[in-house]
Amino acid sequence: MSSLSTTNTTSFSDRYGRLLPGLLLSGLIAWGAIALGKLEWMQSHGMSALTLAIMLGIVLGNSVYGSLAPTCGAGVAFSKQTLLRLGIILYGFRLTFQDIGQVGLAGIAIDALVLASTFGLAMFLGTRVFKLERNSAILIGAGSSICGAAAVMATEPVVKGRSEDVTVAVSTVVVFGTIAIFLYPVLYQLNLGWQVLGATPTAFGVYIGSTVHEVAQVVAAGKSIGQEAANAAVIAKMVRVMMLAPFLVILSALLARGKAKDGGHDKAAKLAIPWFAFIFIAVVAFNSLGLLPAGTVATITDIDTALLAMAMAALGLTTHMSAIRRAGIKPLLLAGLLFCWLIAGGAAINHVVASLFA
């Protein structure tokens, strides 16, 4: 009996001991990214901890990580997979169902239409025009249509994309989301004359929240206009983020259906249910009850930021620049066209829906 107990203890120690070096490396990069993300310059330019973590990871992954991979590989893989799912689940503590009530039916309709049209356009242009691999188009579309890097990372387990595809998709979010921070204040001034989106900062804030990629970029763009616009932008963005879970479920079902057709079977292909998406919804529901003190929720969201930053760092560590170079200019062109659609098409959707609900 004691022999069996000793064996189990040794097995447990060996298994999790292998993870420790990689977890420490991912954690160290995440800590550095979070610290950098708190700098005023970084915040004013919409550079979130997640974006910085993958950038730092790529730098180290293409320099010193090669010699560390045999020791750190298991922990880095754990960060990229398991910690990612846990991070997406805990992301639910940033949201409540009350957020939906603040934007009303018009806000929900705007977010849903922007998401559906942007992702649909990504699939059409990506696979038909640019001839990209389907997974690459899906990841770029998810990043543009929902919530940037977090959406790309959440979609990866469903499509089982390659590290370089994920990194390319995240890179497009960084490029065009950063451009948005500087462009949207200019658009706001133009809108004061044209009044396509109404004359109030709140209306323009909803436009920002429904069309800009990352939450951090939404905050930066909104604050450059004013606090009223920033508040509306964040609420609209949070509702858009909440659509991530149903998006993943629908995407998983569509992919399974496509596999069944490709295989020529009458039976549907096995549906890869993203269970973490359902748990994410459950966490949002629990958070909506307001049972936890604000300080506890703030601590949980800090832990969540660390977990997601570790996942992004691990992704960067396992991404090779040569693979990104092989991807070429097409992913960037696709993301650029989607960005143009978010600006022009998003404005049209905001204008029409706001008019209908006026």
Protein backbone atom coordinates (compact mmCIF):
# COMPACT_ATOMS: atom_id res chain seq x y z
CA MET A 1 0.00 0.00 0.00
CA SER A 2 2.80 2.39 0.97
CA SER A 3 4.63 1.43 -2.23
CA LEU A 4 1.57 2.36 -4.32
CA SER A 5 1.21 5.65 -2.44
CA THR A 6 4.88 6.48 -3.01
CA THR A 7 4.55 5.66 -6.72
CA ASN A 8 1.48 7.90 -7.10
CA THR A 9 3.21 10.74 -5.24
CA THR A 10 6.30 10.41 -7.43
CA SER A 11 4.18 10.30 -10.59
CA PHE A 12 2.28 13.44 -9.51
CA SER A 13 5.53 15.20 -8.64
CA ASP A 14 7.17 14.25 -11.94
CA ARG A 15 4.15 15.28 -14.01
CA TYR A 16 3.67 18.70 -12.48
CA GLY A 17 7.37 19.24 -11.91
CA ARG A 18 7.81 19.14 -15.70
CA LEU A 19 5.32 21.99 -16.03
CA LEU A 20 7.02 24.30 -13.55
CA PRO A 21 9.87 25.72 -15.70
CA GLY A 22 7.54 26.61 -18.58
CA LEU A 23 4.94 28.08 -16.23
CA LEU A 24 7.62 30.21 -14.58
CA LEU A 25 8.86 31.43 -17.96
CA SER A 26 5.34 32.25 -19.20
CA GLY A 27 4.57 33.89 -15.86
CA LEU A 28 7.69 36.02 -15.95
CA ILE A 29 6.88 37.30 -19.44
CA ALA A 30 3.26 37.94 -18.38
CA TRP A 31 4.44 39.89 -15.32
CA GLY A 32 6.66 42.07 -17.51
CA ALA A 33 3.82 42.65 -19.99
CA ILE A 34 1.36 43.60 -17.23
CA ALA A 35 3.89 46.01 -15.72
CA LEU A 36 4.53 47.63 -19.11
CA GLY A 37 0.79 47.78 -19.79
CA LYS A 38 0.31 49.97 -16.71
CA LEU A 39 2.55 52.69 -18.11
CA GLU A 40 0.60 55.79 -19.16
CA TRP A 41 2.13 55.82 -22.66
CA MET A 42 1.12 52.21 -23.26
CA GLN A 43 -2.43 52.85 -22.03
CA SER A 44 -2.83 55.98 -24.15
CA HIS A 45 -1.84 53.94 -27.20
CA GLY A 46 -4.16 51.02 -26.38
CA MET A 47 -1.33 48.54 -25.79
CA SER A 48 -2.88 45.92 -23.50
CA ALA A 49 -1.01 43.36 -21.41
CA LEU A 50 -2.15 40.64 -23.82
CA THR A 51 -0.68 42.42 -26.83
CA LEU A 52 2.58 43.12 -25.03
CA ALA A 53 2.81 39.53 -23.77
CA ILE A 54 2.68 38.02 -27.25
CA MET A 55 5.17 40.61 -28.54
CA LEU A 56 7.64 39.81 -25.76
CA GLY A 57 7.03 36.10 -26.29
CA ILE A 58 7.80 36.36 -30.01
CA VAL A 59 11.06 38.22 -29.31
CA LEU A 60 12.22 35.57 -26.83
CA GLY A 61 10.79 32.72 -28.90
CA ASN A 62 12.93 33.70 -31.86
CA SER A 63 16.10 34.29 -29.84
CA VAL A 64 16.77 32.41 -26.59
CA TYR A 65 13.80 30.04 -26.29
CA GLY A 66 15.31 27.40 -28.59
CA SER A 67 17.76 26.35 -25.89
CA LEU A 68 15.06 26.47 -23.19
CA ALA A 69 12.40 24.52 -25.11
CA PRO A 70 13.42 21.01 -23.92
CA THR A 71 13.03 22.14 -20.30
CA CYS A 72 10.14 24.59 -20.64
CA GLY A 73 8.12 23.02 -23.47
CA ALA A 74 5.58 21.15 -21.31
CA GLY A 75 4.76 24.16 -19.14
CA VAL A 76 4.55 26.49 -22.12
CA ALA A 77 2.11 24.11 -23.84
CA PHE A 78 0.04 23.96 -20.63
CA SER A 79 -0.09 27.76 -20.52
CA LYS A 80 -1.14 27.95 -24.17
CA GLN A 81 -3.96 25.44 -23.78
CA THR A 82 -5.27 24.91 -20.23
CA LEU A 83 -4.55 28.37 -18.82
CA LEU A 84 -6.12 29.91 -21.92
CA ARG A 85 -9.43 28.16 -21.30
CA LEU A 86 -9.37 29.07 -17.62
CA GLY A 87 -8.62 32.67 -18.56
CA ILE A 88 -11.58 32.81 -20.96
CA ILE A 89 -13.86 31.40 -18.24
CA LEU A 90 -12.74 33.98 -15.67
CA TYR A 91 -13.18 36.71 -18.30
CA GLY A 92 -16.87 36.40 -17.46
CA PHE A 93 -16.25 38.30 -14.21
CA ARG A 94 -15.74 41.43 -16.31
CA LEU A 95 -19.33 41.27 -17.57
CA THR A 96 -22.90 41.27 -16.29
CA PHE A 97 -26.24 40.84 -17.99
CA GLN A 98 -27.06 44.34 -16.73
CA ASP A 99 -24.60 45.62 -19.33
CA ILE A 100 -27.07 44.51 -22.00
CA GLY A 101 -29.82 46.59 -20.43
CA GLN A 102 -27.70 49.73 -20.57
CA VAL A 103 -27.36 49.65 -24.36
CA GLY A 104 -30.91 48.38 -24.99
CA LEU A 105 -32.19 46.47 -27.99
CA ALA A 106 -30.61 48.95 -30.40
CA GLY A 107 -27.15 48.32 -28.94
CA ILE A 108 -27.61 44.56 -29.05
CA ALA A 109 -28.82 44.72 -32.66
CA ILE A 110 -25.88 46.92 -33.68
CA ASP A 111 -23.32 44.60 -32.07
CA ALA A 112 -24.93 41.48 -33.55
CA LEU A 113 -25.10 42.93 -37.07
CA VAL A 114 -21.53 44.23 -36.95
CA LEU A 115 -20.29 40.84 -35.71
CA ALA A 116 -22.21 38.78 -38.28
CA SER A 117 -21.42 41.03 -41.26
CA THR A 118 -17.73 41.37 -40.41
CA PHE A 119 -17.19 37.66 -39.84
CA GLY A 120 -19.17 36.76 -42.96
CA LEU A 121 -17.09 39.20 -45.00
CA ALA A 122 -13.90 37.73 -43.52
CA MET A 123 -14.87 34.24 -44.62
CA PHE A 124 -15.85 35.35 -48.13
CA LEU A 125 -12.82 37.54 -48.79
CA GLY A 126 -10.41 35.27 -46.94
CA THR A 127 -11.28 31.99 -48.65
CA ARG A 128 -12.65 33.16 -52.02
CA VAL A 129 -10.64 36.29 -52.86
CA PHE A 130 -7.33 35.90 -51.01
CA LYS A 131 -7.37 32.07 -51.05
CA LEU A 132 -6.27 31.87 -47.42
CA GLU A 133 -6.67 28.69 -45.41
CA ARG A 134 -10.08 28.56 -43.75
CA ASN A 135 -8.67 28.57 -40.21
CA SER A 136 -6.63 31.69 -40.91
CA ALA A 137 -9.70 33.52 -42.24
CA ILE A 138 -11.74 32.39 -39.21
CA LEU A 139 -9.16 33.64 -36.72
CA ILE A 140 -8.71 37.01 -38.44
CA GLY A 141 -12.49 37.35 -38.70
CA ALA A 142 -12.97 36.52 -35.01
CA GLY A 143 -10.38 39.08 -33.96
CA SER A 144 -11.92 41.82 -36.09
CA SER A 145 -15.57 41.08 -35.36
CA ILE A 146 -15.62 40.39 -31.60
CA CYS A 147 -12.90 41.36 -29.15
CA GLY A 148 -9.46 41.21 -30.67
CA ALA A 149 -6.75 39.00 -29.21
CA ALA A 150 -9.04 37.38 -26.61
CA ALA A 151 -11.45 36.28 -29.37
CA VAL A 152 -8.61 34.91 -31.48
CA MET A 153 -7.30 32.92 -28.52
CA ALA A 154 -10.77 31.64 -27.62
CA THR A 155 -11.46 30.58 -31.22
CA GLU A 156 -8.16 28.70 -31.60
CA PRO A 157 -9.25 25.61 -29.59
CA VAL A 158 -12.38 25.31 -31.74
CA VAL A 159 -10.59 25.46 -35.11
CA LYS A 160 -7.34 23.92 -33.79
CA GLY A 161 -5.31 26.54 -35.64
CA ARG A 162 -1.54 26.69 -35.92
CA SER A 163 0.46 29.01 -33.65
CA GLU A 164 1.57 31.14 -36.59
CA ASP A 165 -2.04 31.60 -37.78
CA VAL A 166 -3.03 32.79 -34.31
CA THR A 167 -0.08 35.15 -34.12
CA VAL A 168 -0.81 36.64 -37.55
CA ALA A 169 -4.44 37.21 -36.52
CA VAL A 170 -3.40 38.88 -33.26
CA SER A 171 -0.88 41.02 -35.16
CA THR A 172 -3.64 42.38 -37.41
CA VAL A 173 -5.62 43.32 -34.31
CA VAL A 174 -2.63 45.25 -32.98
CA VAL A 175 -1.99 47.07 -36.27
CA PHE A 176 -5.51 48.18 -37.13
CA GLY A 177 -6.70 48.60 -33.55
CA THR A 178 -3.82 51.00 -32.95
CA ILE A 179 -4.70 52.94 -36.11
CA ALA A 180 -8.28 53.17 -34.82
CA ILE A 181 -7.15 54.92 -31.63
CA PHE A 182 -5.83 57.84 -33.67
CA LEU A 183 -8.44 57.73 -36.46
CA TYR A 184 -11.68 57.69 -34.45
CA PRO A 185 -11.18 61.12 -32.80
CA VAL A 186 -10.82 62.53 -36.34
CA LEU A 187 -14.00 60.72 -37.39
CA TYR A 188 -15.77 62.18 -34.35
CA GLN A 189 -14.92 65.71 -35.46
CA LEU A 190 -16.14 64.93 -38.98
CA ASN A 191 -19.34 63.44 -37.56
CA LEU A 192 -20.11 66.67 -35.69
CA GLY A 193 -20.61 68.22 -39.12
CA TRP A 194 -22.15 65.25 -40.93
CA GLN A 195 -24.12 63.83 -37.97
CA VAL A 196 -24.28 60.38 -39.53
CA LEU A 197 -24.12 58.90 -36.03
CA GLY A 198 -26.00 61.62 -34.18
CA ALA A 199 -24.46 64.61 -32.44
CA THR A 200 -23.93 63.12 -28.97
CA PRO A 201 -20.73 61.59 -27.56
CA THR A 202 -22.83 58.65 -26.35
CA ALA A 203 -23.94 57.72 -29.87
CA PHE A 204 -20.37 57.91 -31.11
CA GLY A 205 -19.26 55.87 -28.10
CA VAL A 206 -21.59 53.05 -29.14
CA TYR A 207 -20.04 53.24 -32.62
CA ILE A 208 -16.56 52.92 -31.12
CA GLY A 209 -17.55 49.98 -28.92
CA SER A 210 -19.22 48.14 -31.78
CA THR A 211 -16.38 48.53 -34.28
CA VAL A 212 -12.96 48.83 -32.57
CA HIS A 213 -11.07 45.57 -32.00
CA GLU A 214 -9.65 45.37 -28.44
CA VAL A 215 -11.22 46.49 -25.16
CA ALA A 216 -8.05 48.48 -24.36
CA GLN A 217 -8.23 50.16 -27.76
CA VAL A 218 -11.90 50.99 -27.20
CA VAL A 219 -11.05 52.63 -23.87
CA ALA A 220 -8.20 54.63 -25.44
CA ALA A 221 -10.30 55.80 -28.40
CA GLY A 222 -13.28 56.64 -26.19
CA LYS A 223 -11.27 58.62 -23.65
CA SER A 224 -9.68 60.70 -26.41
CA ILE A 225 -13.18 62.04 -27.09
CA GLY A 226 -14.48 62.28 -23.52
CA GLN A 227 -15.69 60.29 -20.53
CA GLU A 228 -19.29 60.13 -21.80
CA ALA A 229 -18.13 58.56 -25.06
CA ALA A 230 -15.75 56.23 -23.20
CA ASN A 231 -18.51 54.94 -20.90
CA ALA A 232 -20.87 54.21 -23.81
CA ALA A 233 -18.03 52.63 -25.80
CA VAL A 234 -17.06 50.23 -23.01
CA ILE A 235 -20.66 49.12 -22.41
CA ALA A 236 -21.23 48.49 -26.14
CA LYS A 237 -17.94 46.61 -26.27
CA MET A 238 -18.82 44.43 -23.27
CA VAL A 239 -22.06 43.37 -24.94
CA ARG A 240 -20.04 42.51 -28.05
CA VAL A 241 -17.63 40.47 -25.92
CA MET A 242 -20.58 38.63 -24.39
CA MET A 243 -21.46 37.38 -27.88
CA LEU A 244 -18.19 35.40 -27.93
CA ALA A 245 -19.73 32.33 -26.28
CA PRO A 246 -22.68 31.87 -28.68
CA PHE A 247 -20.31 32.63 -31.57
CA LEU A 248 -18.02 29.76 -30.52
CA VAL A 249 -20.92 27.33 -30.16
CA ILE A 250 -22.36 28.23 -33.58
CA LEU A 251 -18.90 28.11 -35.19
CA SER A 252 -18.25 24.67 -33.70
CA ALA A 253 -21.57 23.38 -35.05
CA LEU A 254 -20.88 24.80 -38.53
CA LEU A 255 -17.40 23.27 -38.63
CA ALA A 256 -18.76 19.88 -37.59
CA ARG A 257 -21.43 20.12 -40.28
CA GLY A 258 -18.79 20.99 -42.87
CA LYS A 259 -16.66 18.00 -41.88
CA ALA A 260 -19.66 15.72 -42.24
CA LYS A 261 -20.29 17.00 -45.78
CA ASP A 262 -16.63 16.73 -46.75
CA GLY A 263 -16.51 13.18 -45.47
CA GLY A 264 -19.61 12.24 -47.40
CA HIS A 265 -21.26 10.72 -44.34
CA ASP A 266 -24.94 10.97 -43.56
CA LYS A 267 -24.11 11.10 -39.89
CA ALA A 268 -23.02 14.44 -38.55
CA ALA A 269 -19.40 14.76 -37.66
CA LYS A 270 -18.57 14.83 -33.97
CA LEU A 271 -19.37 18.25 -32.56
CA ALA A 272 -16.41 19.71 -30.69
CA ILE A 273 -18.37 21.53 -28.01
CA PRO A 274 -16.37 24.39 -26.48
CA TRP A 275 -17.46 23.68 -22.89
CA PHE A 276 -15.45 26.60 -21.59
CA ALA A 277 -17.83 28.89 -23.51
CA PHE A 278 -20.81 27.57 -21.54
CA ILE A 279 -18.93 27.95 -18.26
CA PHE A 280 -18.08 31.49 -19.38
CA ILE A 281 -21.82 32.24 -19.71
CA ALA A 282 -22.46 30.68 -16.28
CA VAL A 283 -19.78 32.92 -14.77
CA VAL A 284 -21.38 36.00 -16.36
CA ALA A 285 -24.75 34.93 -14.91
CA PHE A 286 -23.22 34.45 -11.46
CA ASN A 287 -21.43 37.79 -11.64
CA SER A 288 -24.72 39.45 -12.60
CA LEU A 289 -26.15 38.49 -9.20
CA GLY A 290 -23.66 40.76 -7.46
CA LEU A 291 -22.91 38.27 -4.70
CA LEU A 292 -19.17 38.91 -4.58
CA PRO A 293 -17.67 42.12 -3.16
CA ALA A 294 -16.22 44.49 -5.75
CA GLY A 295 -12.73 43.96 -4.34
CA THR A 296 -12.99 40.20 -4.82
CA VAL A 297 -14.15 40.61 -8.42
CA ALA A 298 -11.28 43.03 -9.06
CA THR A 299 -8.81 40.45 -7.72
CA ILE A 300 -10.30 37.74 -9.93
CA THR A 301 -10.04 39.95 -13.02
CA ASP A 302 -6.40 40.68 -12.15
CA ILE A 303 -5.75 36.93 -11.95
CA ASP A 304 -7.58 36.51 -15.25
CA THR A 305 -5.37 39.12 -16.91
CA ALA A 306 -2.32 37.22 -15.67
CA LEU A 307 -3.63 33.89 -17.00
CA LEU A 308 -4.46 35.31 -20.42
CA ALA A 309 -1.11 37.10 -20.56
CA MET A 310 0.64 33.79 -19.76
CA ALA A 311 -1.29 32.12 -22.59
CA MET A 312 -0.32 34.89 -25.00
CA ALA A 313 3.31 34.73 -23.87
CA ALA A 314 3.33 30.97 -24.48
CA LEU A 315 1.84 31.51 -27.92
CA GLY A 316 4.57 34.00 -28.76
CA LEU A 317 7.29 31.65 -27.52
CA THR A 318 6.13 28.92 -29.90
CA THR A 319 5.73 31.18 -32.93
CA HIS A 320 8.50 31.38 -35.51
CA MET A 321 8.93 34.57 -37.52
CA SER A 322 9.74 32.51 -40.60
CA ALA A 323 6.20 31.10 -40.49
CA ILE A 324 4.73 34.60 -40.24
CA ARG A 325 6.81 35.73 -43.21
CA ARG A 326 5.54 32.75 -45.19
CA ALA A 327 1.97 33.92 -44.54
CA GLY A 328 2.73 36.94 -46.73
CA ILE A 329 0.74 40.13 -47.20
CA LYS A 330 -2.68 38.53 -47.74
CA PRO A 331 -3.72 38.27 -44.07
CA LEU A 332 -2.86 41.94 -43.59
CA LEU A 333 -4.86 42.91 -46.68
CA LEU A 334 -7.84 40.92 -45.42
CA ALA A 335 -7.67 42.56 -42.01
CA GLY A 336 -7.30 45.97 -43.69
CA LEU A 337 -10.47 45.48 -45.72
CA LEU A 338 -12.32 44.31 -42.61
CA PHE A 339 -11.11 47.45 -40.83
CA CYS A 340 -12.52 49.58 -43.67
CA TRP A 341 -15.81 47.69 -43.34
CA LEU A 342 -15.89 48.25 -39.58
CA ILE A 343 -15.49 51.99 -40.15
CA ALA A 344 -17.89 52.46 -43.08
CA GLY A 345 -20.23 49.49 -42.74
CA GLY A 346 -20.26 49.85 -38.96
CA ALA A 347 -21.27 53.50 -39.31
CA ALA A 348 -24.09 52.54 -41.69
CA ILE A 349 -25.34 49.83 -39.31
CA ASN A 350 -25.22 52.23 -36.34
CA HIS A 351 -27.08 54.91 -38.32
CA VAL A 352 -29.83 52.60 -39.63
CA VAL A 353 -30.45 50.76 -36.37
CA ALA A 354 -30.43 53.96 -34.30
CA SER A 355 -32.97 55.46 -36.73
CA LEU A 356 -35.23 52.41 -36.44
CA PHE A 357 -35.17 52.47 -32.62
CA ALA A 358 -35.46 56.25 -32.33
